[in-house]
């Protein structure tokens, strides 16, 4: 199962805690957001729609894979600079 990796990224960009997302969505079990982000469970369709509306993103942004070669909102990741140790 794929987690909501993009949710974690967007949440952290806004300096939000998992608890903030849970409260915004009316989720009673605070571990639920963690389970979404790690792929242990997935939210229902209505919750995904609410997350997309809140973060002004689409489905792919929530479920994007960090190893796919794209960064935030599907933009190419900047190359890592290799500095001598």
C-alpha atoms as a PDB file:
ATOM      1  CA  UNK A   1       0.000   0.000   0.000  1.00  0.00           C
ATOM      2  CA  UNK A   2       1.291   3.454  -0.881  1.00  0.00           C
ATOM      3  CA  UNK A   3       1.218   6.070   1.823  1.00  0.00           C
ATOM      4  CA  UNK A   4       0.223   9.694   1.529  1.00  0.00           C
ATOM      5  CA  UNK A   5       3.850  10.729   1.202  1.00  0.00           C
ATOM      6  CA  UNK A   6       2.876  14.060  -0.327  1.00  0.00           C
ATOM      7  CA  UNK A   7       0.614  14.803   2.642  1.00  0.00           C
ATOM      8  CA  UNK A   8       3.586  14.552   4.969  1.00  0.00           C
ATOM      9  CA  UNK A   9       5.684  16.842   2.760  1.00  0.00           C
ATOM     10  CA  UNK A  10       2.948  19.483   2.377  1.00  0.00           C
ATOM     11  CA  UNK A  11       2.048  19.277   6.075  1.00  0.00           C
ATOM     12  CA  UNK A  12       5.662  19.879   7.100  1.00  0.00           C
ATOM     13  CA  UNK A  13       6.024  22.743   4.609  1.00  0.00           C
ATOM     14  CA  UNK A  14       3.182  24.460   6.444  1.00  0.00           C
ATOM     15  CA  UNK A  15       4.711  23.593   9.827  1.00  0.00           C
ATOM     16  CA  UNK A  16       1.634  21.571  10.729  1.00  0.00           C
ATOM     17  CA  UNK A  17       1.544  18.557  13.027  1.00  0.00           C
ATOM     18  CA  UNK A  18      -0.341  15.349  12.346  1.00  0.00           C
ATOM     19  CA  UNK A  19      -2.617  16.438  15.171  1.00  0.00           C
ATOM     20  CA  UNK A  20      -3.473  19.631  13.246  1.00  0.00           C
ATOM     21  CA  UNK A  21      -4.557  17.592  10.212  1.00  0.00           C
ATOM     22  CA  UNK A  22      -6.560  15.209  12.402  1.00  0.00           C
ATOM     23  CA  UNK A  23      -8.346  18.102  14.119  1.00  0.00           C
ATOM     24  CA  UNK A  24      -9.059  19.852  10.814  1.00  0.00           C
ATOM     25  CA  UNK A  25     -10.666  16.676   9.459  1.00  0.00           C
ATOM     26  CA  UNK A  26     -12.429  15.750  12.688  1.00  0.00           C
ATOM     27  CA  UNK A  27     -10.435  12.527  13.054  1.00  0.00           C
ATOM     28  CA  UNK A  28     -10.681  11.281  16.616  1.00  0.00           C
ATOM     29  CA  UNK A  29      -7.718   8.863  16.631  1.00  0.00           C
ATOM     30  CA  UNK A  30      -4.577  10.971  16.286  1.00  0.00           C
ATOM     31  CA  UNK A  31      -2.564   7.985  14.973  1.00  0.00           C
ATOM     32  CA  UNK A  32      -4.767   7.857  11.886  1.00  0.00           C
ATOM     33  CA  UNK A  33      -2.822  10.568  10.022  1.00  0.00           C
ATOM     34  CA  UNK A  34       0.437   8.726  10.749  1.00  0.00           C
ATOM     35  CA  UNK A  35      -1.084   5.532   9.340  1.00  0.00           C
ATOM     36  CA  UNK A  36      -2.081   7.400   6.159  1.00  0.00           C
ATOM     37  CA  UNK A  37       1.401   8.834   5.724  1.00  0.00           C
ATOM     38  CA  UNK A  38       3.104   5.458   6.188  1.00  0.00           C
ATOM     39  CA  UNK A  39       0.641   3.523   4.028  1.00  0.00           C
ATOM     40  CA  UNK A  40      -0.757   1.329   6.798  1.00  0.00           C
ATOM     41  CA  UNK A  41      -4.222   2.617   5.901  1.00  0.00           C
ATOM     42  CA  UNK A  42      -5.670   5.075   3.406  1.00  0.00           C
ATOM     43  CA  UNK A  43      -8.338   7.698   4.000  1.00  0.00           C
ATOM     44  CA  UNK A  44     -11.697   7.426   2.309  1.00  0.00           C
ATOM     45  CA  UNK A  45     -12.477   9.331  -0.875  1.00  0.00           C
ATOM     46  CA  UNK A  46     -14.225  12.210   0.896  1.00  0.00           C
ATOM     47  CA  UNK A  47     -11.211  12.753   3.164  1.00  0.00           C
ATOM     48  CA  UNK A  48      -8.846  12.701   0.176  1.00  0.00           C
ATOM     49  CA  UNK A  49     -11.043  15.326  -1.500  1.00  0.00           C
ATOM     50  CA  UNK A  50     -10.925  17.491   1.634  1.00  0.00           C
ATOM     51  CA  UNK A  51      -7.127  17.192   1.775  1.00  0.00           C
ATOM     52  CA  UNK A  52      -6.850  18.139  -1.910  1.00  0.00           C
ATOM     53  CA  UNK A  53      -9.061  21.158  -1.300  1.00  0.00           C
ATOM     54  CA  UNK A  54      -7.126  22.274   1.777  1.00  0.00           C
ATOM     55  CA  UNK A  55      -3.678  21.885   0.188  1.00  0.00           C
ATOM     56  CA  UNK A  56      -4.848  23.095  -3.250  1.00  0.00           C
ATOM     57  CA  UNK A  57      -3.376  19.996  -4.873  1.00  0.00           C
ATOM     58  CA  UNK A  58      -4.459  16.978  -6.861  1.00  0.00           C
ATOM     59  CA  UNK A  59      -4.516  13.278  -6.098  1.00  0.00           C
ATOM     60  CA  UNK A  60      -1.002  12.701  -7.464  1.00  0.00           C
ATOM     61  CA  UNK A  61       0.447  15.321  -5.110  1.00  0.00           C
ATOM     62  CA  UNK A  62      -0.873  13.431  -2.082  1.00  0.00           C
ATOM     63  CA  UNK A  63       0.341  10.027  -3.259  1.00  0.00           C
ATOM     64  CA  UNK A  64       3.533  11.045  -5.045  1.00  0.00           C
ATOM     65  CA  UNK A  65       6.545   8.801  -4.696  1.00  0.00           C
ATOM     66  CA  UNK A  66       9.724  10.578  -3.569  1.00  0.00           C
ATOM     67  CA  UNK A  67      11.850   8.059  -5.503  1.00  0.00           C
ATOM     68  CA  UNK A  68      10.069   8.831  -8.781  1.00  0.00           C
ATOM     69  CA  UNK A  69      12.497  11.605  -9.669  1.00  0.00           C
ATOM     70  CA  UNK A  70      10.051  14.430  -9.120  1.00  0.00           C
ATOM     71  CA  UNK A  71       9.851  16.786  -6.205  1.00  0.00           C
ATOM     72  CA  UNK A  72       7.147  19.113  -4.954  1.00  0.00           C
ATOM     73  CA  UNK A  73       4.150  19.265  -7.259  1.00  0.00           C
ATOM     74  CA  UNK A  74       5.802  17.105  -9.896  1.00  0.00           C
ATOM     75  CA  UNK A  75       8.683  19.504 -10.526  1.00  0.00           C
ATOM     76  CA  UNK A  76      12.130  17.960 -11.174  1.00  0.00           C
ATOM     77  CA  UNK A  77      14.210  17.720  -8.031  1.00  0.00           C
ATOM     78  CA  UNK A  78      17.241  20.011  -7.851  1.00  0.00           C
ATOM     79  CA  UNK A  79      20.530  18.197  -8.250  1.00  0.00           C
ATOM     80  CA  UNK A  80      22.373  17.570  -4.999  1.00  0.00           C
ATOM     81  CA  UNK A  81      25.652  19.393  -4.865  1.00  0.00           C
ATOM     82  CA  UNK A  82      28.601  17.249  -4.008  1.00  0.00           C
ATOM     83  CA  UNK A  83      30.820  19.081  -1.582  1.00  0.00           C
ATOM     84  CA  UNK A  84      34.225  17.675  -0.647  1.00  0.00           C
ATOM     85  CA  UNK A  85      34.312  16.287   2.879  1.00  0.00           C
END
